Amino acid sequence: MFQIVSRRSLSAILPGLLAALIALPVPWAGVQAAARIRHSPALVVASTEPQLGAAQNVAFFQPFTQATGQPVTRRAWTGSLPDLESRGLHAGNDTAWSLVFAEDSTIRAACMQGLVVHLAGSATNPDGCGAPGLATQVVVAWDQTWRESAPRWNDFWDVVRFPGKRGLRRDPRTTLEIALLADGVPPDQVYGQLATPQGVDRAFRKLSQLRPYITWWSTPNEAASLLSRKQVLMGSAPREAVNSIAMHGEPGRIGINTDMALSYDLSWAVVAGQSAERLGRSRELLHFIVQPDRQGAFVAAVPSGPSGPAHPAALLPMDVQFWQVNYAPLSRRFETWLHKAG
């Protein structure tokens, strides 16, 4: 499970992405035919990654509207499955979402509950739950005006040497893995530990040590805001969220350490429960998004930011299958711990 890799580019996952969509019944020619669409209600794309919205507008949504006349609107999404259900299966045509964009574990959970449409399987996506959109990481990010050398996860817990607030995600995903890494668990044993009651207890004991110093974030924008407003000394944060800080007048202040980062995928999915006509247009938009030229434009538009270490980073790939099975019980345990700790 533990491997030394560099960040995967979108070009590396394009073959699997296109294969995953090949069985969708709307051909690319359908987008060209859709150029006759005028005055249609906007397709709504809900995303848990608003920091990528500008790049998606430039690469996907604006060109799609220009090519088809079909407007597209973006909405922020917390990743809550009840919210998705209310905007899909239980939504009217005027309030239905069309596509969603979120981390792969969220998309797969939605897929298992029938909240998004199953796509064709492929070697990289055998169950057809979503189409790959971007490979990213949760990294250690810190304010370089405080310290030039990069902190690691064990430094994250060292409030004696490095006093100050820490930013962590209010979600067991990535947070429990980080706690075990900080407690000295070898990366290739993290999920083996989390699969046992003793390992889960160990992770929560480690979190309890840091709890008075934690400021919680729920979205990538919140993670970036904590750092940009100097509300935390260091924090876990999605890499693209940190990169977005540099685009808003603060280049160089926030550093990242990609060693022991948690890598994960972001995926697209078509929302289930739409009317047949709207579902067809949503599929057309997804076909447009996965075209190689559009993917290339997206890569070019994604903000670049601080670089990590010069040597290849050691990444811990997020175990999607583990979270597919264990997310619900560990979420309940996490919320109970938060309530008792509070």
Protein backbone atom coordinates (compact mmCIF):
# COMPACT_ATOMS: atom_id res chain seq x y z
CA MET A 1 0.00 0.00 0.00
CA PHE A 2 2.96 2.31 0.68
CA GLN A 3 4.91 3.41 -2.32
CA ILE A 4 7.38 6.02 -3.51
CA VAL A 5 5.69 7.86 -6.33
CA SER A 6 5.43 11.29 -7.83
CA ARG A 7 2.12 13.05 -8.28
CA ARG A 8 0.21 11.45 -11.12
CA SER A 9 -0.72 13.69 -14.00
CA LEU A 10 -4.14 13.66 -15.55
CA SER A 11 -2.63 12.36 -18.77
CA ALA A 12 -1.74 9.16 -16.95
CA ILE A 13 -5.37 8.42 -16.08
CA LEU A 14 -7.01 9.55 -19.31
CA PRO A 15 -7.11 6.08 -20.92
CA GLY A 16 -8.95 4.60 -17.96
CA LEU A 17 -11.20 7.63 -17.71
CA LEU A 18 -12.29 7.35 -21.33
CA ALA A 19 -12.77 3.60 -21.02
CA ALA A 20 -14.97 4.13 -17.99
CA LEU A 21 -17.34 6.23 -20.08
CA ILE A 22 -17.42 4.23 -23.29
CA ALA A 23 -20.74 2.52 -22.52
CA LEU A 24 -22.63 5.72 -21.85
CA PRO A 25 -25.30 5.80 -24.55
CA VAL A 26 -24.77 9.42 -25.60
CA PRO A 27 -22.02 9.66 -28.27
CA TRP A 28 -19.77 12.69 -28.68
CA ALA A 29 -21.78 13.60 -31.73
CA GLY A 30 -24.60 14.28 -29.30
CA VAL A 31 -22.75 17.30 -28.01
CA GLN A 32 -22.45 18.68 -31.50
CA ALA A 33 -26.14 18.08 -32.08
CA ALA A 34 -26.85 19.82 -28.78
CA ALA A 35 -25.50 23.05 -30.29
CA ARG A 36 -29.12 23.66 -31.25
CA ILE A 37 -30.08 23.90 -27.54
CA ARG A 38 -31.05 27.41 -26.55
CA HIS A 39 -32.63 28.79 -23.39
CA SER A 40 -32.37 25.46 -21.56
CA PRO A 41 -32.29 25.44 -17.76
CA ALA A 42 -28.71 25.44 -16.51
CA LEU A 43 -27.00 22.17 -15.72
CA VAL A 44 -25.83 22.28 -12.11
CA VAL A 45 -22.41 20.94 -11.18
CA ALA A 46 -21.88 20.51 -7.43
CA SER A 47 -18.31 20.24 -6.17
CA THR A 48 -16.55 19.74 -2.86
CA GLU A 49 -13.46 21.40 -4.39
CA PRO A 50 -14.43 25.03 -5.10
CA GLN A 51 -10.78 26.02 -5.33
CA LEU A 52 -10.74 24.21 -8.69
CA GLY A 53 -13.82 26.06 -9.96
CA ALA A 54 -11.96 28.69 -11.97
CA ALA A 55 -9.90 26.06 -13.80
CA GLN A 56 -13.03 23.99 -14.49
CA ASN A 57 -14.83 27.06 -15.83
CA VAL A 58 -12.02 27.81 -18.26
CA ALA A 59 -11.42 24.22 -19.38
CA PHE A 60 -14.92 22.70 -19.29
CA PHE A 61 -17.99 24.77 -18.58
CA GLN A 62 -17.44 27.94 -20.62
CA PRO A 63 -16.34 26.02 -23.76
CA PHE A 64 -19.27 23.62 -23.35
CA THR A 65 -21.72 26.51 -23.20
CA GLN A 66 -20.09 28.14 -26.22
CA ALA A 67 -20.29 24.87 -28.18
CA THR A 68 -23.83 23.88 -27.23
CA GLY A 69 -25.67 26.91 -25.94
CA GLN A 70 -26.30 24.96 -22.74
CA PRO A 71 -25.55 27.02 -19.60
CA VAL A 72 -23.76 25.43 -16.65
CA THR A 73 -23.89 26.61 -13.04
CA ARG A 74 -21.50 25.64 -10.25
CA ARG A 75 -22.57 24.94 -6.66
CA ALA A 76 -20.56 24.15 -3.53
CA TRP A 77 -21.20 20.77 -1.93
CA THR A 78 -20.12 19.53 1.49
CA GLY A 79 -19.97 15.91 0.34
CA SER A 80 -23.05 15.01 2.39
CA LEU A 81 -24.93 12.11 0.83
CA PRO A 82 -28.33 13.27 2.21
CA ASP A 83 -27.74 16.58 0.41
CA LEU A 84 -27.00 14.69 -2.79
CA GLU A 85 -30.12 12.57 -2.39
CA SER A 86 -32.28 15.65 -1.91
CA ARG A 87 -30.79 17.18 -5.08
CA GLY A 88 -31.11 14.01 -7.13
CA LEU A 89 -33.53 11.24 -6.39
CA HIS A 90 -35.83 13.52 -4.37
CA ALA A 91 -35.42 16.72 -6.38
CA GLY A 92 -37.67 18.33 -8.91
CA ASN A 93 -36.27 19.28 -12.29
CA ASP A 94 -35.79 22.87 -11.17
CA THR A 95 -33.53 21.93 -8.24
CA ALA A 96 -31.79 18.77 -9.49
CA TRP A 97 -28.02 18.60 -9.69
CA SER A 98 -26.49 17.28 -12.91
CA LEU A 99 -22.92 16.27 -12.07
CA VAL A 100 -20.96 16.06 -8.85
CA PHE A 101 -17.21 16.29 -8.28
CA ALA A 102 -15.68 14.96 -5.06
CA GLU A 103 -13.10 12.62 -3.63
CA ASP A 104 -13.35 9.08 -4.88
CA SER A 105 -14.46 7.60 -1.55
CA THR A 106 -17.45 9.98 -1.49
CA ILE A 107 -18.39 9.17 -5.08
CA ARG A 108 -18.15 5.43 -4.43
CA ALA A 109 -20.35 5.70 -1.34
CA ALA A 110 -22.90 7.62 -3.41
CA CYS A 111 -22.65 4.99 -6.14
CA MET A 112 -23.29 2.15 -3.69
CA GLN A 113 -26.44 3.94 -2.51
CA GLY A 114 -27.70 4.50 -6.06
CA LEU A 115 -27.35 8.28 -5.84
CA VAL A 116 -25.17 8.51 -8.96
CA VAL A 117 -25.28 6.66 -12.27
CA HIS A 118 -23.13 3.57 -12.76
CA LEU A 119 -20.68 4.02 -15.62
CA ALA A 120 -18.94 1.27 -17.57
CA GLY A 121 -16.13 -0.47 -15.70
CA SER A 122 -12.47 -0.32 -16.67
CA ALA A 123 -9.12 -1.60 -15.41
CA THR A 124 -8.74 1.49 -13.23
CA ASN A 125 -12.40 1.69 -12.26
CA PRO A 126 -13.83 -1.85 -12.24
CA ASP A 127 -17.08 -1.03 -10.44
CA GLY A 128 -17.96 1.94 -12.67
CA CYS A 129 -18.36 4.30 -9.72
CA GLY A 130 -17.40 7.67 -11.15
CA ALA A 131 -14.91 8.89 -13.73
CA PRO A 132 -11.43 9.98 -12.57
CA GLY A 133 -10.92 13.72 -12.48
CA LEU A 134 -7.69 14.53 -10.64
CA ALA A 135 -5.10 12.88 -8.42
CA THR A 136 -4.17 15.00 -5.41
CA GLN A 137 -2.76 14.83 -1.89
CA VAL A 138 -3.37 15.93 1.69
CA VAL A 139 -0.07 17.47 2.78
CA VAL A 140 1.48 19.16 5.80
CA ALA A 141 1.23 22.90 5.15
CA TRP A 142 2.85 25.52 7.33
CA ASP A 143 3.62 29.22 7.60
CA GLN A 144 7.20 29.71 6.42
CA THR A 145 7.51 33.02 8.24
CA TRP A 146 7.63 30.86 11.38
CA ARG A 147 10.05 28.21 10.18
CA GLU A 148 11.91 27.44 6.95
CA SER A 149 12.41 23.69 7.37
CA ALA A 150 9.41 21.50 6.67
CA PRO A 151 7.57 19.97 9.64
CA ARG A 152 6.48 16.35 9.56
CA TRP A 153 3.45 14.67 11.12
CA ASN A 154 5.32 13.98 14.37
CA ASP A 155 6.15 17.71 14.57
CA PHE A 156 2.43 18.35 14.17
CA TRP A 157 1.91 16.89 17.66
CA ASP A 158 4.95 18.57 19.25
CA VAL A 159 3.25 21.58 20.84
CA VAL A 160 6.13 22.10 23.27
CA ARG A 161 8.73 22.83 20.60
CA PHE A 162 6.22 24.34 18.17
CA PRO A 163 3.36 25.96 20.15
CA GLY A 164 0.33 27.02 18.16
CA LYS A 165 -2.91 25.87 16.60
CA ARG A 166 -3.14 22.99 14.12
CA GLY A 167 -5.67 22.57 11.32
CA LEU A 168 -7.19 19.12 10.83
CA ARG A 169 -10.09 17.83 8.79
CA ARG A 170 -13.33 17.23 10.69
CA ASP A 171 -13.70 13.79 9.16
CA PRO A 172 -12.16 10.44 10.05
CA ARG A 173 -10.81 10.10 6.51
CA THR A 174 -7.15 11.19 6.39
CA THR A 175 -7.36 12.39 10.02
CA LEU A 176 -7.12 8.92 11.56
CA GLU A 177 -4.33 7.94 9.16
CA ILE A 178 -2.40 11.08 10.10
CA ALA A 179 -2.79 10.34 13.81
CA LEU A 180 -1.27 6.89 13.36
CA LEU A 181 1.58 8.19 11.21
CA ALA A 182 2.32 10.77 13.90
CA ASP A 183 2.30 7.98 16.49
CA GLY A 184 5.02 6.11 14.66
CA VAL A 185 2.99 3.51 12.77
CA PRO A 186 4.82 2.56 9.55
CA PRO A 187 2.83 3.69 6.52
CA ASP A 188 2.39 0.17 5.20
CA GLN A 189 0.72 -0.81 8.49
CA VAL A 190 -1.69 2.12 8.85
CA TYR A 191 -4.77 0.46 7.35
CA GLY A 192 -3.98 -2.84 9.02
CA GLN A 193 -4.04 -0.97 12.33
CA LEU A 194 -7.28 0.86 11.49
CA ALA A 195 -8.90 -2.47 10.69
CA THR A 196 -8.56 -3.49 14.37
CA PRO A 197 -10.30 -2.06 17.47
CA GLN A 198 -6.88 -1.60 19.07
CA GLY A 199 -5.62 0.45 16.13
CA VAL A 200 -8.71 2.65 16.10
CA ASP A 201 -8.33 3.23 19.85
CA ARG A 202 -4.69 4.16 19.27
CA ALA A 203 -5.62 6.73 16.63
CA PHE A 204 -8.22 8.38 18.86
CA ARG A 205 -5.82 8.44 21.84
CA LYS A 206 -3.31 10.26 19.65
CA LEU A 207 -5.96 12.75 18.53
CA SER A 208 -6.95 13.34 22.16
CA GLN A 209 -3.39 14.45 22.92
CA LEU A 210 -3.67 17.24 20.35
CA ARG A 211 -7.33 18.08 20.76
CA PRO A 212 -6.95 21.45 22.64
CA TYR A 213 -4.79 22.75 19.78
CA ILE A 214 -6.95 21.61 16.86
CA THR A 215 -8.95 23.96 14.67
CA TRP A 216 -11.21 21.84 12.47
CA TRP A 217 -11.88 22.36 8.79
CA SER A 218 -14.53 20.69 6.65
CA THR A 219 -13.78 21.90 3.11
CA PRO A 220 -10.57 22.60 1.17
CA ASN A 221 -11.39 26.32 1.18
CA GLU A 222 -11.63 26.28 4.96
CA ALA A 223 -8.26 24.52 5.19
CA ALA A 224 -6.70 27.21 2.99
CA SER A 225 -8.41 30.03 4.90
CA LEU A 226 -7.01 28.86 8.25
CA LEU A 227 -3.51 29.06 6.80
CA SER A 228 -3.91 32.30 4.86
CA ARG A 229 -5.44 34.10 7.86
CA LYS A 230 -2.73 32.79 10.19
CA GLN A 231 -5.28 31.05 12.37
CA VAL A 232 -3.11 27.93 12.54
CA LEU A 233 0.64 27.42 12.65
CA MET A 234 0.41 24.32 10.47
CA GLY A 235 -2.35 22.18 9.06
CA SER A 236 -3.32 19.22 6.97
CA ALA A 237 -4.67 20.52 3.68
CA PRO A 238 -5.41 19.40 0.11
CA ARG A 239 -2.50 20.44 -2.08
CA GLU A 240 -4.64 22.39 -4.56
CA ALA A 241 -6.15 24.38 -1.70
CA VAL A 242 -2.68 25.44 -0.60
CA ASN A 243 -1.79 26.29 -4.19
CA SER A 244 -4.80 28.60 -4.35
CA ILE A 245 -3.31 30.76 -1.57
CA ALA A 246 -0.40 31.69 -3.81
CA MET A 247 -2.86 32.92 -6.43
CA HIS A 248 -4.36 35.45 -4.03
CA GLY A 249 -1.37 37.61 -3.21
CA GLU A 250 0.61 35.41 -0.82
CA PRO A 251 3.20 33.56 -2.91
CA GLY A 252 5.91 31.90 -0.88
CA ARG A 253 4.42 32.29 2.60
CA ILE A 254 2.83 28.84 2.88
CA GLY A 255 5.09 25.83 2.42
CA ILE A 256 4.13 22.21 1.90
CA ASN A 257 5.76 18.91 2.82
CA THR A 258 4.61 16.05 0.63
CA ASP A 259 6.55 13.40 2.55
CA MET A 260 4.03 11.05 4.17
CA ALA A 261 1.23 12.85 2.32
CA LEU A 262 -2.00 10.96 1.73
CA SER A 263 -2.78 10.66 -1.95
CA TYR A 264 -6.32 10.26 -3.25
CA ASP A 265 -8.40 10.72 -6.38
CA LEU A 266 -11.16 13.18 -7.18
CA SER A 267 -13.91 11.87 -9.45
CA TRP A 268 -16.87 13.00 -11.53
CA ALA A 269 -20.29 11.36 -11.41
CA VAL A 270 -23.68 11.84 -13.07
CA VAL A 271 -26.44 12.37 -10.51
CA ALA A 272 -29.22 9.78 -10.52
CA GLY A 273 -32.87 10.73 -10.47
CA GLN A 274 -32.85 13.39 -13.20
CA SER A 275 -35.45 13.48 -15.94
CA ALA A 276 -34.48 11.58 -19.09
CA GLU A 277 -33.88 14.76 -21.06
CA ARG A 278 -31.77 16.36 -18.35
CA LEU A 279 -29.89 13.12 -17.77
CA GLY A 280 -28.92 13.05 -21.44
CA ARG A 281 -27.58 16.59 -21.29
CA SER A 282 -25.64 15.78 -18.10
CA ARG A 283 -24.02 12.85 -19.86
CA GLU A 284 -23.13 15.11 -22.77
CA LEU A 285 -21.37 17.46 -20.38
CA LEU A 286 -19.38 14.59 -18.86
CA HIS A 287 -18.39 13.39 -22.34
CA PHE A 288 -17.18 16.90 -23.08
CA ILE A 289 -15.19 17.08 -19.84
CA VAL A 290 -13.23 13.88 -20.52
CA GLN A 291 -12.09 14.81 -24.01
CA PRO A 292 -8.26 14.90 -24.14
CA ASP A 293 -8.09 18.52 -25.27
CA ARG A 294 -10.36 19.60 -22.40
CA GLN A 295 -8.30 17.60 -19.90
CA GLY A 296 -5.15 19.25 -21.21
CA ALA A 297 -6.72 22.68 -20.80
CA PHE A 298 -7.70 21.78 -17.23
CA VAL A 299 -4.16 20.70 -16.33
CA ALA A 300 -2.85 24.00 -17.69
CA ALA A 301 -5.40 26.00 -15.69
CA VAL A 302 -4.99 24.26 -12.30
CA PRO A 303 -3.03 26.62 -10.02
CA SER A 304 0.55 25.68 -9.28
CA GLY A 305 1.98 26.42 -5.90
CA PRO A 306 4.89 25.62 -3.61
CA SER A 307 6.92 22.59 -4.45
CA GLY A 308 7.60 19.78 -2.06
CA PRO A 309 10.97 18.14 -1.36
CA ALA A 310 13.39 17.70 -4.23
CA HIS A 311 13.54 13.94 -3.72
CA PRO A 312 10.53 11.75 -4.62
CA ALA A 313 7.85 12.09 -1.95
CA ALA A 314 6.68 9.11 0.06
CA LEU A 315 2.93 8.94 -0.40
CA LEU A 316 0.35 6.84 1.43
CA PRO A 317 -2.47 6.09 -1.04
CA MET A 318 -5.87 6.42 0.56
CA ASP A 319 -7.52 2.98 0.74
CA VAL A 320 -10.89 3.56 -0.91
CA GLN A 321 -12.07 0.00 -0.27
CA PHE A 322 -11.28 0.34 3.44
CA TRP A 323 -13.34 3.52 3.72
CA GLN A 324 -16.15 2.08 1.63
CA VAL A 325 -16.59 -0.57 4.33
CA ASN A 326 -15.63 1.40 7.45
CA TYR A 327 -16.63 5.02 6.84
CA ALA A 328 -20.05 4.79 8.51
CA PRO A 329 -18.93 3.18 11.80
CA LEU A 330 -15.78 5.29 12.05
CA SER A 331 -17.78 8.45 11.36
CA ARG A 332 -20.08 7.60 14.26
CA ARG A 333 -17.07 6.94 16.48
CA PHE A 334 -15.48 10.22 15.35
CA GLU A 335 -18.59 12.29 16.06
CA THR A 336 -18.98 10.64 19.49
CA TRP A 337 -15.36 11.47 20.28
CA LEU A 338 -15.84 15.09 19.18
CA HIS A 339 -18.95 15.45 21.33
CA LYS A 340 -17.32 13.94 24.41
CA ALA A 341 -14.14 15.91 23.89
CA GLY A 342 -16.15 19.11 23.54
